[in-house]
Amino acid sequence: MNHILSHWPRLLLPMLLAACQTPTASKPAPLPPSELGSQQDSLQEPESAPRHQTAPQHEAGQPWTMAQVLERISNHNPDLVRARAGLQQAQAGVQMSRASYWPELSLGLQFASTDNPGQAFGVLLNQQRLSLGPGFDATPGITENWSKELRVDWSLWNPERAARSDAAQAAQSGAQAMVLHVDQGLRNAGVQAWFGLLAARALKKVQDESILVVQGRLQKTQKRMELGAALKADVLRLQGRLAQAQQNAAGADLRVQTASSGLNRLMARPPQAPLEFQQDPEWNAPGQSPDGKVLDTLISMALEQRKDLLAAQQNVRRLQHEDAASQRSGRPRISAFGAYNVDGHDLGLDTDLDSYMLGVGLHLPLSKRTPARRTASRAQLMGARAELHSLFLTIQSQVSDAQENLRVARIQLQLSSSAVATAEEAYRIIAEAQDAGGATVTDVLEAEDARRQARVAQVAAKYYVQIAQAQLAMAIGTPW
């Protein structure tokens, strides 16, 4: 050990050289406008994990609130678990890139046994048991050695290391943004599934009511037929309409089951798990109301808030650093090492039998794979830039479509309300007219069908407004 201490000044210069490569906490340069379209030049660092207001814990057997449904999705959905695992992997990559600036320490223990004379002489020489005097034996026989080693390896200069470290930082930022994007998307899907299930149940109720209406009309027509005031054909037509209404109700029941299964899947629950809801007050997209905002404003909000866009930007940045590292891959590298050994015929640590070795090496890679590696990294970067531009255009289209869908949904809701009132009154008048013999069964069936369709349209429009509002919030990237 004293030998190493005496050579400590020789190790000081390599340490200072390595310290010059220590990474700083500065952010990478922003992407040029050509890669971001009209987006902001500087990128904000995303939060590492979603932050939500904690909803009261759901108790078994109690109805669910929307807040409890969304909290369940954030805590249990496997897609979000997978995204968080990707973030942990990226964080580990940052730690490994930082560790590459520091020396690696290792302990080694090796046992060797040989009857090769040349190797045996070397072992005996290290063990200070070789005698070349009188009685020298040129065939020492089987010789054993225990080698105990403390080793330090230090990469003093690696031209790729700084770029790799920056790439790891960008990958971590992208993974953080992707966790937020997945969480927001799942919670938004939960909102849409919530209203979708409410709509399916309301439509099922409309179909059930239609069955009751047709059944009531059938009973009255049968009585009128017995009195000779109606035809057998009228009864048969009503029986056919009743069968059709029952088929519609069966289809509505299937849609309820499908919607319930879809929401349970988002919540990571069995498909048949019961879902009773506690009706929340009138719901609006959190954080903002898109009413009155022009399309350009909504698009600007989306480009600022969409986490998938931020993740794509960080991916381009990561590949920029990866490409820079690839372009430097053919440059020389410098490394140093030091080893302290204790040899002996047993496991004991006899410092009289120790030795050390210090060294510095220069490595210049001359692989023919280097040009292909550079070409591949450049092509990957070009593909990521094209993907970012495609996402930029897609976001604009999604915001425009979502805004238009919401506008149309609100118009349909207004029209459906007046249509229901008209259809209800028309059915009442025609049903009374049939009872008095002034209208045919055909007239009644047509009026009942118009009434049912108006009710279906009203229910669908009511919930579609909520779903369209959620879709616009998702297109804008509103956090939940």
Protein backbone atom coordinates (compact mmCIF):
# COMPACT_ATOMS: atom_id res chain seq x y z
CA MET A 1 0.00 0.00 0.00
CA ASN A 2 2.93 2.32 0.67
CA HIS A 3 3.95 1.95 -2.97
CA ILE A 4 0.60 3.38 -4.11
CA LEU A 5 0.78 6.30 -1.68
CA SER A 6 4.23 7.18 -2.94
CA HIS A 7 2.85 7.43 -6.51
CA TRP A 8 -0.21 9.48 -5.56
CA PRO A 9 1.06 12.67 -7.28
CA ARG A 10 1.10 10.78 -10.60
CA LEU A 11 -2.65 10.10 -10.23
CA LEU A 12 -3.56 13.74 -9.54
CA LEU A 13 -3.39 14.92 -13.16
CA PRO A 14 -5.75 12.19 -14.52
CA MET A 15 -8.25 13.08 -11.76
CA LEU A 16 -8.20 16.75 -12.77
CA LEU A 17 -8.66 15.82 -16.44
CA ALA A 18 -11.67 13.69 -15.59
CA ALA A 19 -13.15 16.42 -13.42
CA CYS A 20 -13.14 18.72 -16.45
CA GLN A 21 -15.66 16.35 -18.08
CA THR A 22 -18.07 16.32 -15.14
CA PRO A 23 -21.57 17.15 -16.48
CA THR A 24 -23.29 20.35 -15.47
CA ALA A 25 -26.97 20.90 -14.75
CA SER A 26 -27.53 23.17 -17.74
CA LYS A 27 -30.51 22.48 -20.01
CA PRO A 28 -29.91 21.43 -23.62
CA ALA A 29 -30.32 24.01 -26.34
CA PRO A 30 -33.94 24.48 -27.55
CA LEU A 31 -35.01 22.94 -30.82
CA PRO A 32 -34.95 25.31 -33.82
CA PRO A 33 -38.29 26.65 -35.08
CA SER A 34 -37.99 24.50 -38.20
CA GLU A 35 -38.51 21.44 -36.02
CA LEU A 36 -41.24 22.91 -33.83
CA GLY A 37 -43.37 24.73 -36.37
CA SER A 38 -44.84 27.80 -34.67
CA GLN A 39 -44.41 26.32 -31.22
CA GLN A 40 -42.52 27.87 -28.36
CA ASP A 41 -38.74 27.73 -28.71
CA SER A 42 -37.91 26.85 -25.12
CA LEU A 43 -39.28 23.70 -23.50
CA GLN A 44 -40.47 23.52 -19.95
CA GLU A 45 -39.38 20.62 -17.81
CA PRO A 46 -42.42 18.42 -17.14
CA GLU A 47 -43.43 17.31 -13.70
CA SER A 48 -42.17 13.91 -12.67
CA ALA A 49 -45.60 12.60 -11.69
CA PRO A 50 -49.24 13.66 -12.00
CA ARG A 51 -50.72 15.62 -9.14
CA HIS A 52 -54.43 15.30 -8.46
CA GLN A 53 -56.74 16.30 -5.70
CA THR A 54 -57.27 13.21 -3.59
CA ALA A 55 -60.88 12.02 -3.72
CA PRO A 56 -62.54 10.37 -0.72
CA GLN A 57 -61.76 6.67 -0.62
CA HIS A 58 -64.42 4.57 -2.28
CA GLU A 59 -66.12 2.12 0.04
CA ALA A 60 -67.33 -1.26 -1.15
CA GLY A 61 -71.03 -1.28 -1.95
CA GLN A 62 -71.26 2.50 -2.20
CA PRO A 63 -71.89 4.41 -5.46
CA TRP A 64 -68.88 5.81 -7.29
CA THR A 65 -68.27 9.50 -7.84
CA MET A 66 -66.41 10.67 -10.93
CA ALA A 67 -63.46 11.79 -8.80
CA GLN A 68 -63.19 8.30 -7.29
CA VAL A 69 -63.35 6.71 -10.74
CA LEU A 70 -60.54 8.93 -12.05
CA GLU A 71 -58.41 8.34 -8.97
CA ARG A 72 -58.87 4.60 -9.36
CA ILE A 73 -57.73 4.86 -13.00
CA SER A 74 -54.62 6.85 -12.07
CA ASN A 75 -53.64 4.39 -9.36
CA HIS A 76 -54.35 1.05 -11.03
CA ASN A 77 -54.46 1.27 -14.82
CA PRO A 78 -51.63 -0.91 -16.22
CA ASP A 79 -50.91 1.50 -19.09
CA LEU A 80 -49.93 4.15 -16.57
CA VAL A 81 -47.90 1.60 -14.60
CA ARG A 82 -46.00 0.81 -17.80
CA ALA A 83 -45.38 4.52 -18.49
CA ARG A 84 -44.05 5.00 -14.97
CA ALA A 85 -41.79 2.00 -15.43
CA GLY A 86 -40.43 3.67 -18.57
CA LEU A 87 -39.73 6.79 -16.51
CA GLN A 88 -37.84 4.76 -13.93
CA GLN A 89 -35.79 3.22 -16.73
CA ALA A 90 -34.96 6.68 -18.09
CA GLN A 91 -34.00 7.89 -14.62
CA ALA A 92 -31.69 4.91 -14.27
CA GLY A 93 -30.14 5.88 -17.62
CA VAL A 94 -29.36 9.34 -16.23
CA GLN A 95 -27.74 7.81 -13.16
CA MET A 96 -25.62 5.51 -15.32
CA SER A 97 -24.52 8.39 -17.53
CA ARG A 98 -23.44 10.37 -14.49
CA ALA A 99 -21.62 7.37 -13.07
CA SER A 100 -19.57 7.07 -16.28
CA TYR A 101 -17.62 10.19 -15.22
CA TRP A 102 -16.30 8.53 -12.09
CA PRO A 103 -13.84 5.67 -11.53
CA GLU A 104 -15.06 2.14 -11.07
CA LEU A 105 -13.73 0.21 -8.10
CA SER A 106 -13.68 -3.58 -8.06
CA LEU A 107 -12.46 -6.35 -5.80
CA GLY A 108 -11.15 -9.59 -7.22
CA LEU A 109 -10.21 -12.97 -5.82
CA GLN A 110 -8.63 -15.58 -8.08
CA PHE A 111 -7.32 -19.09 -7.37
CA ALA A 112 -4.97 -20.79 -9.81
CA SER A 113 -3.31 -24.20 -9.82
CA THR A 114 -0.74 -25.21 -12.46
CA ASP A 115 1.98 -27.75 -13.22
CA ASN A 116 3.37 -25.70 -16.13
CA PRO A 117 6.97 -24.92 -15.14
CA GLY A 118 7.02 -21.46 -16.66
CA GLN A 119 3.80 -20.40 -15.00
CA ALA A 120 4.78 -22.08 -11.76
CA PHE A 121 8.08 -20.16 -11.64
CA GLY A 122 6.15 -16.90 -12.10
CA VAL A 123 3.79 -17.82 -9.24
CA LEU A 124 6.67 -18.79 -6.96
CA LEU A 125 8.46 -15.57 -7.86
CA ASN A 126 5.41 -13.50 -6.87
CA GLN A 127 5.16 -15.49 -3.66
CA GLN A 128 8.92 -14.91 -3.03
CA ARG A 129 9.42 -18.66 -2.75
CA LEU A 130 11.58 -19.18 -5.83
CA SER A 131 15.16 -20.28 -5.16
CA LEU A 132 17.74 -20.43 -7.95
CA GLY A 133 20.61 -21.62 -5.74
CA PRO A 134 21.93 -25.13 -5.18
CA GLY A 135 19.23 -27.75 -5.44
CA PHE A 136 17.26 -25.76 -8.03
CA ASP A 137 14.36 -27.87 -9.28
CA ALA A 138 13.35 -27.17 -12.90
CA THR A 139 10.07 -29.04 -12.38
CA PRO A 140 8.42 -27.51 -9.31
CA GLY A 141 5.27 -29.62 -9.85
CA ILE A 142 1.79 -28.43 -8.98
CA THR A 143 1.84 -24.83 -7.72
CA GLU A 144 -1.16 -22.97 -6.27
CA ASN A 145 -1.77 -19.29 -5.86
CA TRP A 146 -4.44 -17.05 -4.34
CA SER A 147 -4.50 -13.57 -5.87
CA LYS A 148 -6.35 -10.78 -4.05
CA GLU A 149 -6.84 -7.61 -6.12
CA LEU A 150 -8.17 -4.11 -5.57
CA ARG A 151 -8.62 -2.41 -8.97
CA VAL A 152 -9.65 1.04 -10.19
CA ASP A 153 -10.60 1.76 -13.83
CA TRP A 154 -11.23 5.33 -14.92
CA SER A 155 -12.26 6.62 -18.33
CA LEU A 156 -10.51 9.98 -18.42
CA TRP A 157 -11.67 11.10 -21.84
CA ASN A 158 -14.52 9.75 -23.93
CA PRO A 159 -15.67 12.02 -26.78
CA GLU A 160 -19.18 10.52 -26.71
CA ARG A 161 -19.78 10.79 -22.99
CA ALA A 162 -21.12 14.36 -22.74
CA ALA A 163 -23.55 13.83 -25.62
CA ARG A 164 -24.72 10.52 -24.13
CA SER A 165 -25.34 12.26 -20.82
CA ASP A 166 -27.40 14.99 -22.52
CA ALA A 167 -29.33 12.31 -24.41
CA ALA A 168 -30.13 10.54 -21.13
CA GLN A 169 -31.43 13.81 -19.65
CA ALA A 170 -33.66 14.36 -22.69
CA ALA A 171 -34.92 10.79 -22.46
CA GLN A 172 -35.86 11.34 -18.82
CA SER A 173 -37.73 14.57 -19.65
CA GLY A 174 -39.54 12.79 -22.46
CA ALA A 175 -40.50 9.90 -20.18
CA GLN A 176 -41.83 12.37 -17.59
CA ALA A 177 -43.95 14.06 -20.25
CA MET A 178 -45.21 10.69 -21.47
CA VAL A 179 -46.33 9.71 -17.95
CA LEU A 180 -48.36 12.91 -17.76
CA HIS A 181 -49.76 12.36 -21.26
CA VAL A 182 -50.82 8.79 -20.50
CA ASP A 183 -52.38 9.83 -17.18
CA GLN A 184 -54.31 12.70 -18.77
CA GLY A 185 -55.45 10.50 -21.63
CA LEU A 186 -56.66 7.73 -19.31
CA ARG A 187 -58.49 10.13 -17.03
CA ASN A 188 -60.12 11.79 -20.04
CA ALA A 189 -61.09 8.36 -21.34
CA GLY A 190 -62.58 7.71 -17.91
CA VAL A 191 -64.71 10.86 -18.17
CA GLN A 192 -65.94 9.86 -21.62
CA ALA A 193 -66.62 6.30 -20.46
CA TRP A 194 -68.52 7.67 -17.43
CA PHE A 195 -70.88 9.70 -19.62
CA GLY A 196 -70.99 6.94 -22.22
CA LEU A 197 -72.26 4.50 -19.59
CA LEU A 198 -74.78 7.05 -18.29
CA ALA A 199 -75.98 7.58 -21.85
CA ALA A 200 -76.29 3.83 -22.48
CA ARG A 201 -78.34 3.41 -19.31
CA ALA A 202 -80.56 6.36 -20.19
CA LEU A 203 -81.13 4.99 -23.69
CA LYS A 204 -81.97 1.60 -22.19
CA LYS A 205 -84.55 3.34 -20.03
CA VAL A 206 -86.07 4.98 -23.12
CA GLN A 207 -86.33 1.59 -24.84
CA ASP A 208 -87.95 0.07 -21.76
CA GLU A 209 -90.46 2.91 -21.66
CA SER A 210 -91.23 2.30 -25.33
CA ILE A 211 -92.04 -1.32 -24.52
CA LEU A 212 -94.49 -0.20 -21.84
CA VAL A 213 -96.13 2.26 -24.21
CA VAL A 214 -96.59 -0.38 -26.96
CA GLN A 215 -97.84 -2.92 -24.43
CA GLY A 216 -100.43 -0.46 -23.17
CA ARG A 217 -101.56 0.36 -26.69
CA LEU A 218 -101.73 -3.38 -27.53
CA GLN A 219 -103.96 -4.10 -24.56
CA LYS A 220 -106.37 -1.33 -25.54
CA THR A 221 -106.46 -2.49 -29.15
CA GLN A 222 -107.18 -6.08 -28.10
CA LYS A 223 -110.14 -4.88 -26.05
CA ARG A 224 -111.38 -2.82 -28.97
CA MET A 225 -111.04 -5.88 -31.24
CA GLU A 226 -113.15 -7.94 -28.85
CA LEU A 227 -115.80 -5.21 -29.11
CA GLY A 228 -115.53 -5.24 -32.90
CA ALA A 229 -114.01 -1.74 -33.05
CA ALA A 230 -110.58 -2.86 -34.27
CA LEU A 231 -109.19 -5.36 -36.69
CA LYS A 232 -107.11 -8.44 -36.00
CA ALA A 233 -104.46 -6.94 -38.28
CA ASP A 234 -104.17 -3.98 -35.91
CA VAL A 235 -103.37 -6.33 -33.03
CA LEU A 236 -100.83 -8.23 -35.11
CA ARG A 237 -99.08 -5.04 -36.15
CA LEU A 238 -98.83 -3.93 -32.53
CA GLN A 239 -97.49 -7.33 -31.53
CA GLY A 240 -94.83 -6.98 -34.22
CA ARG A 241 -93.93 -3.52 -32.96
CA LEU A 242 -93.70 -4.91 -29.40
CA ALA A 243 -91.26 -7.59 -30.56
CA GLN A 244 -89.19 -4.93 -32.30
CA ALA A 245 -89.18 -2.77 -29.15
CA GLN A 246 -88.01 -5.74 -27.10
CA GLN A 247 -85.20 -6.34 -29.60
CA ASN A 248 -84.19 -2.69 -29.32
CA ALA A 249 -84.16 -3.02 -25.53
CA ALA A 250 -81.95 -6.12 -25.76
CA GLY A 251 -79.51 -4.19 -27.95
CA ALA A 252 -79.56 -1.30 -25.48
CA ASP A 253 -78.83 -3.71 -22.65
CA LEU A 254 -75.81 -5.04 -24.57
CA ARG A 255 -74.54 -1.49 -25.03
CA VAL A 256 -74.86 -0.93 -21.29
CA GLN A 257 -72.81 -4.05 -20.59
CA THR A 258 -70.19 -3.04 -23.14
CA ALA A 259 -69.90 0.48 -21.71
CA SER A 260 -69.70 -0.88 -18.16
CA SER A 261 -67.02 -3.37 -19.16
CA GLY A 262 -65.00 -0.63 -20.87
CA LEU A 263 -65.05 1.62 -17.82
CA ASN A 264 -64.16 -1.30 -15.55
CA ARG A 265 -61.20 -2.07 -17.82
CA LEU A 266 -59.95 1.51 -17.45
CA MET A 267 -60.30 1.12 -13.69
CA ALA A 268 -58.47 -2.25 -13.79
CA ARG A 269 -61.53 -4.09 -12.46
CA PRO A 270 -63.26 -7.28 -13.62
CA PRO A 271 -65.65 -6.62 -16.56
CA GLN A 272 -68.74 -7.66 -14.59
CA ALA A 273 -67.88 -5.66 -11.45
CA PRO A 274 -70.89 -3.57 -10.37
CA LEU A 275 -70.81 0.15 -11.19
CA GLU A 276 -73.34 2.28 -9.39
CA PHE A 277 -72.86 6.02 -9.81
CA GLN A 278 -73.39 8.95 -7.53
CA GLN A 279 -74.54 11.57 -9.99
CA ASP A 280 -72.19 14.54 -9.91
CA PRO A 281 -73.33 18.13 -10.55
CA GLU A 282 -73.15 19.50 -14.08
CA TRP A 283 -69.65 18.77 -15.29
CA ASN A 284 -67.37 21.10 -17.20
CA ALA A 285 -63.84 20.60 -18.48
CA PRO A 286 -61.39 21.47 -15.67
CA GLY A 287 -59.31 24.59 -15.76
CA GLN A 288 -61.03 26.36 -18.61
CA SER A 289 -64.18 26.79 -20.62
CA PRO A 290 -63.63 26.69 -24.38
CA ASP A 291 -66.78 28.68 -25.02
CA GLY A 292 -66.12 31.80 -27.04
CA LYS A 293 -62.47 30.98 -27.77
CA VAL A 294 -61.41 31.15 -31.38
CA LEU A 295 -59.70 28.23 -33.03
CA ASP A 296 -56.25 29.87 -33.11
CA THR A 297 -56.39 30.42 -29.36
CA LEU A 298 -57.35 26.82 -28.71
CA ILE A 299 -54.54 25.57 -30.95
CA SER A 300 -52.04 27.77 -29.14
CA MET A 301 -53.25 26.37 -25.82
CA ALA A 302 -52.85 22.83 -27.16
CA LEU A 303 -49.29 23.47 -28.36
CA GLU A 304 -48.41 24.74 -24.89
CA GLN A 305 -50.15 22.02 -22.90
CA ARG A 306 -50.01 18.77 -24.89
CA LYS A 307 -47.60 16.44 -23.12
CA ASP A 308 -47.30 14.06 -26.06
CA LEU A 309 -45.96 16.97 -28.11
CA LEU A 310 -43.45 17.74 -25.36
CA ALA A 311 -42.44 14.08 -25.28
CA ALA A 312 -41.93 14.10 -29.05
CA GLN A 313 -39.81 17.25 -28.79
CA GLN A 314 -37.66 15.65 -26.12
CA ASN A 315 -37.29 12.56 -28.28
CA VAL A 316 -35.93 14.71 -31.12
CA ARG A 317 -33.56 16.35 -28.66
CA ARG A 318 -32.43 12.97 -27.39
CA LEU A 319 -31.70 11.78 -30.92
CA GLN A 320 -29.83 15.00 -31.66
CA HIS A 321 -27.48 14.19 -28.79
CA GLU A 322 -27.28 10.55 -29.86
CA ASP A 323 -26.35 11.68 -33.36
CA ALA A 324 -23.67 14.00 -31.96
CA ALA A 325 -22.26 11.07 -30.00
CA SER A 326 -22.23 8.92 -33.13
CA GLN A 327 -20.35 11.56 -35.08
CA ARG A 328 -17.66 11.55 -32.36
CA SER A 329 -17.43 7.79 -32.11
CA GLY A 330 -14.21 7.57 -34.16
CA ARG A 331 -12.20 9.92 -31.95
CA PRO A 332 -9.50 8.73 -29.50
CA ARG A 333 -10.22 7.83 -25.87
CA ILE A 334 -8.01 7.95 -22.82
CA SER A 335 -8.35 5.71 -19.79
CA ALA A 336 -6.34 4.98 -16.65
CA PHE A 337 -6.20 2.06 -14.30
CA GLY A 338 -4.60 1.04 -11.06
CA ALA A 339 -4.39 -2.33 -9.34
CA TYR A 340 -3.09 -3.50 -5.97
CA ASN A 341 -2.42 -7.26 -5.67
CA VAL A 342 -1.52 -9.61 -2.86
CA ASP A 343 -0.39 -13.10 -3.97
CA GLY A 344 0.07 -16.08 -1.69
CA HIS A 345 -0.34 -19.80 -1.37
CA ASP A 346 -3.27 -19.23 0.99
CA LEU A 347 -6.05 -16.64 1.60
CA GLY A 348 -4.01 -14.59 4.03
CA LEU A 349 -3.18 -10.93 3.32
CA ASP A 350 0.61 -10.82 3.61
CA THR A 351 1.67 -7.26 2.71
CA ASP A 352 5.20 -8.49 2.09
CA LEU A 353 3.83 -10.23 -1.01
CA ASP A 354 1.92 -7.23 -2.43
CA SER A 355 2.41 -5.45 -5.73
CA TYR A 356 0.81 -2.66 -7.69
CA MET A 357 0.36 -1.51 -11.27
CA LEU A 358 -0.59 1.91 -12.63
CA GLY A 359 -1.21 2.76 -16.25
CA VAL A 360 -2.73 5.14 -18.79
CA GLY A 361 -3.94 4.01 -22.21
CA LEU A 362 -4.90 5.64 -25.50
CA HIS A 363 -7.51 3.91 -27.67
CA LEU A 364 -8.35 4.90 -31.24
CA PRO A 365 -11.30 2.92 -32.73
CA LEU A 366 -10.93 2.09 -36.43
CA SER A 367 -14.03 -0.05 -36.95
CA LYS A 368 -15.69 -0.13 -40.36
CA ARG A 369 -19.04 -0.06 -38.55
CA THR A 370 -18.54 3.57 -37.52
CA PRO A 371 -19.77 5.16 -40.82
CA ALA A 372 -22.85 2.92 -40.85
CA ARG A 373 -23.56 3.81 -37.24
CA ARG A 374 -23.41 7.52 -38.09
CA THR A 375 -25.73 7.07 -41.06
CA ALA A 376 -28.25 5.11 -38.97
CA SER A 377 -28.33 7.73 -36.20
CA ARG A 378 -28.83 10.53 -38.73
CA ALA A 379 -31.69 8.64 -40.38
CA GLN A 380 -33.32 7.99 -37.00
CA LEU A 381 -33.14 11.70 -36.21
CA MET A 382 -34.75 12.59 -39.55
CA GLY A 383 -37.58 10.16 -38.84
CA ALA A 384 -38.20 11.65 -35.39
CA ARG A 385 -38.33 15.16 -36.84
CA ALA A 386 -40.91 14.03 -39.40
CA GLU A 387 -42.93 12.36 -36.64
CA LEU A 388 -42.85 15.57 -34.59
CA HIS A 389 -44.08 17.59 -37.56
CA SER A 390 -46.86 15.05 -38.17
CA LEU A 391 -47.96 15.29 -34.54
CA PHE A 392 -47.93 19.08 -34.80
CA LEU A 393 -50.36 18.92 -37.73
CA THR A 394 -52.48 16.23 -36.04
CA ILE A 395 -52.95 18.35 -32.93
CA GLN A 396 -54.26 21.26 -34.99
CA SER A 397 -56.71 18.96 -36.74
CA GLN A 398 -57.84 17.35 -33.47
CA VAL A 399 -58.54 20.72 -31.86
CA SER A 400 -60.45 21.95 -34.91
CA ASP A 401 -62.55 18.77 -35.13
CA ALA A 402 -63.25 18.70 -31.39
CA GLN A 403 -64.38 22.33 -31.35
CA GLU A 404 -66.72 21.71 -34.28
CA ASN A 405 -68.10 18.53 -32.68
CA LEU A 406 -68.89 20.44 -29.50
CA ARG A 407 -70.63 23.22 -31.44
CA VAL A 408 -72.79 20.75 -33.36
CA ALA A 409 -73.56 18.75 -30.20
CA ARG A 410 -74.92 21.84 -28.44
CA ILE A 411 -77.08 22.71 -31.45
CA GLN A 412 -78.44 19.16 -31.54
CA LEU A 413 -79.25 19.31 -27.83
CA GLN A 414 -81.26 22.52 -28.29
CA LEU A 415 -83.17 21.10 -31.25
CA SER A 416 -83.82 17.74 -29.57
CA SER A 417 -85.52 19.35 -26.57
CA SER A 418 -88.19 21.01 -28.68
CA ALA A 419 -88.51 17.88 -30.86
CA VAL A 420 -89.32 15.74 -27.81
CA ALA A 421 -92.08 18.06 -26.67
CA THR A 422 -93.59 18.07 -30.18
CA ALA A 423 -93.38 14.28 -30.55
CA GLU A 424 -94.91 13.66 -27.12
CA GLU A 425 -97.87 15.91 -27.86
CA ALA A 426 -98.35 14.39 -31.32
CA TYR A 427 -98.42 10.87 -29.89
CA ARG A 428 -100.94 11.86 -27.21
CA ILE A 429 -103.29 13.38 -29.77
CA ILE A 430 -103.10 10.43 -32.18
CA ALA A 431 -103.48 7.85 -29.40
CA GLU A 432 -106.67 9.58 -28.22
CA ALA A 433 -107.87 9.75 -31.80
CA GLN A 434 -107.36 6.00 -32.25
CA ASP A 435 -109.31 5.32 -29.07
CA ALA A 436 -112.12 7.37 -30.57
CA GLY A 437 -111.82 5.63 -33.94
CA GLY A 438 -110.40 8.69 -35.69
CA ALA A 439 -106.88 7.34 -36.34
CA THR A 440 -105.42 4.07 -37.54
CA VAL A 441 -102.87 1.80 -35.92
CA THR A 442 -100.42 2.92 -38.58
CA ASP A 443 -100.81 6.49 -37.39
CA VAL A 444 -100.20 5.42 -33.79
CA LEU A 445 -97.15 3.33 -34.64
CA GLU A 446 -95.63 6.16 -36.62
CA ALA A 447 -96.28 8.62 -33.80
CA GLU A 448 -94.84 6.25 -31.21
CA ASP A 449 -91.77 5.65 -33.35
CA ALA A 450 -91.26 9.40 -33.79
CA ARG A 451 -91.67 9.88 -30.03
CA ARG A 452 -89.11 7.16 -29.25
CA GLN A 453 -86.59 8.50 -31.75
CA ALA A 454 -86.97 12.01 -30.37
CA ARG A 455 -86.35 10.75 -26.83
CA VAL A 456 -83.30 8.77 -27.99
CA ALA A 457 -81.95 11.82 -29.82
CA GLN A 458 -82.45 13.99 -26.74
CA VAL A 459 -80.67 11.57 -24.41
CA ALA A 460 -77.84 11.05 -26.88
CA ALA A 461 -77.43 14.79 -27.44
CA LYS A 462 -77.39 15.51 -23.71
CA TYR A 463 -74.50 13.16 -23.01
CA TYR A 464 -72.73 13.79 -26.27
CA VAL A 465 -72.29 17.42 -25.25
CA GLN A 466 -70.41 16.21 -22.18
CA ILE A 467 -68.38 13.71 -24.21
CA ALA A 468 -67.58 16.33 -26.87
CA GLN A 469 -66.49 18.73 -24.14
CA ALA A 470 -64.16 16.06 -22.77
CA GLN A 471 -62.82 15.40 -26.26
CA LEU A 472 -62.02 19.09 -26.70
CA ALA A 473 -60.30 19.16 -23.33
CA MET A 474 -58.24 16.15 -24.39
CA ALA A 475 -57.32 17.78 -27.72
CA ILE A 476 -56.19 20.91 -25.89
CA GLY A 477 -54.28 18.88 -23.28
CA THR A 478 -56.11 20.21 -20.24
CA PRO A 479 -54.80 18.57 -17.04
CA TRP A 480 -57.37 16.78 -14.90
